[in-house]
């Protein structure tokens, strides 16, 4: 599987998790200790998520980071 596809799929899973939690980019970015624009870049697939960022996002949304990474396994 292509790395770019994997990164886009991870970003898509994060977007869905944010929506399902009823949250927003600003709140998630604050909780993950990254800027709004950095999070938007990751959500739009322009920049890859780092594992520690996914852990912080998952922690804020109260979901396991494995939900974002299932596709990569």
N, C-alpha and C. Protein backbone atom coordinates (compact mmCIF):
# COMPACT_ATOMS: atom_id res chain seq x y z
N UNK A 1 0.84 -1.18 0.00
CA UNK A 1 0.00 0.00 0.00
C UNK A 1 0.89 1.25 0.00
N UNK A 2 0.52 2.19 -0.76
CA UNK A 2 1.25 3.44 -0.93
C UNK A 2 1.25 4.27 0.36
N UNK A 3 2.41 4.82 0.71
CA UNK A 3 2.55 5.61 1.95
C UNK A 3 1.61 6.81 1.95
N UNK A 4 1.48 7.49 0.82
CA UNK A 4 0.60 8.65 0.74
C UNK A 4 -0.85 8.24 1.02
N UNK A 5 -1.26 7.10 0.47
CA UNK A 5 -2.61 6.61 0.73
C UNK A 5 -2.80 6.33 2.22
N UNK A 6 -1.81 5.71 2.85
CA UNK A 6 -1.90 5.41 4.28
C UNK A 6 -2.06 6.68 5.11
N UNK A 7 -1.27 7.69 4.79
CA UNK A 7 -1.35 8.95 5.53
C UNK A 7 -2.70 9.63 5.35
N UNK A 8 -3.22 9.59 4.14
CA UNK A 8 -4.54 10.18 3.89
C UNK A 8 -5.63 9.40 4.62
N UNK A 9 -5.48 8.08 4.68
CA UNK A 9 -6.48 7.28 5.38
C UNK A 9 -6.44 7.53 6.89
N UNK A 10 -5.25 7.69 7.43
CA UNK A 10 -5.12 8.03 8.85
C UNK A 10 -5.77 9.39 9.10
N UNK A 11 -5.50 10.36 8.25
CA UNK A 11 -6.11 11.69 8.39
C UNK A 11 -7.63 11.60 8.33
N UNK A 12 -8.14 10.78 7.42
CA UNK A 12 -9.59 10.61 7.27
C UNK A 12 -10.18 10.03 8.56
N UNK A 13 -9.48 9.07 9.15
CA UNK A 13 -9.97 8.47 10.39
C UNK A 13 -9.99 9.50 11.54
N UNK A 14 -9.01 10.37 11.57
CA UNK A 14 -8.96 11.40 12.61
C UNK A 14 -10.12 12.38 12.41
N UNK A 15 -10.35 12.79 11.17
CA UNK A 15 -11.46 13.70 10.87
C UNK A 15 -12.78 13.09 11.33
N UNK A 16 -12.99 11.83 11.01
CA UNK A 16 -14.23 11.15 11.41
C UNK A 16 -14.36 11.09 12.93
N UNK A 17 -13.27 10.81 13.61
CA UNK A 17 -13.30 10.74 15.08
C UNK A 17 -13.65 12.09 15.69
N UNK A 18 -13.09 13.15 15.12
CA UNK A 18 -13.40 14.50 15.62
C UNK A 18 -14.88 14.80 15.44
N UNK A 19 -15.41 14.46 14.27
CA UNK A 19 -16.85 14.70 14.01
C UNK A 19 -17.72 13.87 14.94
N UNK A 20 -17.38 12.58 15.08
CA UNK A 20 -18.19 11.70 15.92
C UNK A 20 -18.19 12.16 17.38
N UNK A 21 -17.10 12.75 17.80
CA UNK A 21 -17.01 13.23 19.19
C UNK A 21 -17.71 14.58 19.36
N UNK A 22 -18.11 15.19 18.24
CA UNK A 22 -18.76 16.50 18.32
C UNK A 22 -17.79 17.61 18.67
N UNK A 23 -16.52 17.40 18.35
CA UNK A 23 -15.50 18.38 18.67
C UNK A 23 -15.18 19.23 17.44
N UNK A 24 -14.17 20.07 17.57
CA UNK A 24 -13.76 20.94 16.47
C UNK A 24 -12.24 21.02 16.42
N UNK A 25 -11.74 21.51 15.30
CA UNK A 25 -10.30 21.57 15.07
C UNK A 25 -9.59 22.37 16.15
N UNK A 26 -10.13 23.50 16.53
CA UNK A 26 -9.47 24.36 17.51
C UNK A 26 -9.31 23.63 18.86
N UNK A 27 -10.37 23.01 19.34
CA UNK A 27 -10.31 22.31 20.62
C UNK A 27 -9.32 21.15 20.59
N UNK A 28 -9.35 20.40 19.49
CA UNK A 28 -8.43 19.26 19.36
C UNK A 28 -7.00 19.73 19.27
N UNK A 29 -6.76 20.77 18.50
CA UNK A 29 -5.40 21.31 18.36
C UNK A 29 -4.87 21.78 19.71
N UNK A 30 -5.69 22.49 20.45
CA UNK A 30 -5.28 22.95 21.78
C UNK A 30 -4.92 21.77 22.68
N UNK A 31 -5.78 20.77 22.69
CA UNK A 31 -5.55 19.61 23.54
C UNK A 31 -4.32 18.82 23.12
N UNK A 32 -4.04 18.79 21.82
CA UNK A 32 -2.89 18.05 21.29
C UNK A 32 -1.62 18.88 21.30
N UNK A 33 -1.74 20.12 21.75
CA UNK A 33 -0.59 21.03 21.85
C UNK A 33 0.08 21.29 20.49
N UNK A 34 -0.78 21.50 19.47
CA UNK A 34 -0.30 21.93 18.16
C UNK A 34 -1.18 23.07 17.69
N UNK A 35 -0.70 23.83 16.73
CA UNK A 35 -1.49 24.96 16.24
C UNK A 35 -2.65 24.48 15.39
N UNK A 36 -3.65 25.32 15.27
CA UNK A 36 -4.80 25.01 14.41
C UNK A 36 -4.33 24.73 12.98
N UNK A 37 -3.45 25.58 12.47
CA UNK A 37 -3.00 25.40 11.08
C UNK A 37 -2.19 24.12 10.91
N UNK A 38 -1.39 23.74 11.91
CA UNK A 38 -0.65 22.48 11.83
C UNK A 38 -1.62 21.29 11.81
N UNK A 39 -2.65 21.34 12.64
CA UNK A 39 -3.63 20.26 12.64
C UNK A 39 -4.37 20.21 11.31
N UNK A 40 -4.77 21.36 10.79
CA UNK A 40 -5.46 21.38 9.50
C UNK A 40 -4.59 20.79 8.40
N UNK A 41 -3.30 21.11 8.40
CA UNK A 41 -2.38 20.53 7.41
C UNK A 41 -2.37 19.01 7.50
N UNK A 42 -2.40 18.49 8.71
CA UNK A 42 -2.41 17.04 8.90
C UNK A 42 -3.74 16.44 8.49
N UNK A 43 -4.82 17.09 8.83
CA UNK A 43 -6.15 16.59 8.48
C UNK A 43 -6.40 16.61 6.98
N UNK A 44 -5.75 17.51 6.29
CA UNK A 44 -5.90 17.60 4.83
C UNK A 44 -4.84 16.80 4.09
N UNK A 45 -3.97 16.11 4.83
CA UNK A 45 -3.00 15.22 4.21
C UNK A 45 -1.76 15.89 3.66
N UNK A 46 -1.58 17.17 3.95
CA UNK A 46 -0.38 17.88 3.46
C UNK A 46 0.85 17.54 4.28
N UNK A 47 0.63 17.19 5.55
CA UNK A 47 1.72 16.85 6.47
C UNK A 47 1.32 15.56 7.19
N UNK A 48 2.28 14.67 7.38
CA UNK A 48 2.01 13.41 8.08
C UNK A 48 1.83 13.65 9.58
N UNK A 49 0.92 12.91 10.18
CA UNK A 49 0.80 12.89 11.63
C UNK A 49 1.99 12.16 12.21
N UNK A 50 2.48 12.63 13.35
CA UNK A 50 3.46 11.90 14.14
C UNK A 50 2.68 11.05 15.15
N UNK A 51 3.24 9.93 15.55
CA UNK A 51 2.54 9.04 16.47
C UNK A 51 2.17 9.75 17.77
N UNK A 52 3.07 10.57 18.30
CA UNK A 52 2.76 11.26 19.56
C UNK A 52 1.58 12.22 19.40
N UNK A 53 1.42 12.81 18.22
CA UNK A 53 0.27 13.69 17.97
C UNK A 53 -1.01 12.87 17.95
N UNK A 54 -0.96 11.70 17.33
CA UNK A 54 -2.14 10.83 17.29
C UNK A 54 -2.52 10.37 18.69
N UNK A 55 -1.52 10.11 19.52
CA UNK A 55 -1.78 9.70 20.90
C UNK A 55 -2.49 10.83 21.66
N UNK A 56 -2.03 12.06 21.47
CA UNK A 56 -2.66 13.20 22.17
C UNK A 56 -4.07 13.46 21.66
N UNK A 57 -4.26 13.36 20.34
CA UNK A 57 -5.61 13.54 19.77
C UNK A 57 -6.54 12.45 20.29
N UNK A 58 -6.08 11.21 20.24
CA UNK A 58 -6.89 10.10 20.74
C UNK A 58 -7.21 10.25 22.22
N UNK A 59 -6.24 10.70 22.99
CA UNK A 59 -6.47 10.90 24.42
C UNK A 59 -7.55 11.94 24.67
N UNK A 60 -7.50 13.04 23.93
CA UNK A 60 -8.51 14.08 24.08
C UNK A 60 -9.89 13.57 23.68
N UNK A 61 -9.94 12.81 22.59
CA UNK A 61 -11.23 12.30 22.09
C UNK A 61 -11.68 11.04 22.83
N UNK A 62 -10.81 10.54 23.71
CA UNK A 62 -11.08 9.33 24.49
C UNK A 62 -11.29 8.11 23.62
N UNK A 63 -10.41 7.98 22.63
CA UNK A 63 -10.41 6.79 21.79
C UNK A 63 -8.98 6.28 21.65
N UNK A 64 -8.80 4.98 21.47
CA UNK A 64 -7.44 4.44 21.35
C UNK A 64 -6.79 4.86 20.04
N UNK A 65 -5.51 5.13 20.11
CA UNK A 65 -4.77 5.54 18.92
C UNK A 65 -4.81 4.46 17.85
N UNK A 66 -5.01 3.22 18.23
CA UNK A 66 -5.07 2.13 17.26
C UNK A 66 -6.21 2.32 16.26
N UNK A 67 -7.22 3.06 16.65
CA UNK A 67 -8.33 3.33 15.71
C UNK A 67 -7.83 4.11 14.49
N UNK A 68 -6.85 4.97 14.68
CA UNK A 68 -6.30 5.74 13.58
C UNK A 68 -5.32 4.92 12.75
N UNK A 69 -4.70 3.94 13.38
CA UNK A 69 -3.60 3.21 12.74
C UNK A 69 -3.99 1.85 12.19
N UNK A 70 -5.22 1.44 12.33
CA UNK A 70 -5.65 0.12 11.89
C UNK A 70 -5.27 -0.15 10.44
N UNK A 71 -5.39 0.85 9.61
CA UNK A 71 -5.09 0.69 8.19
C UNK A 71 -3.61 0.41 7.95
N UNK A 72 -2.76 0.91 8.83
CA UNK A 72 -1.32 0.80 8.64
C UNK A 72 -0.80 -0.57 9.06
N UNK A 73 -1.62 -1.34 9.75
CA UNK A 73 -1.16 -2.64 10.26
C UNK A 73 -1.13 -3.69 9.18
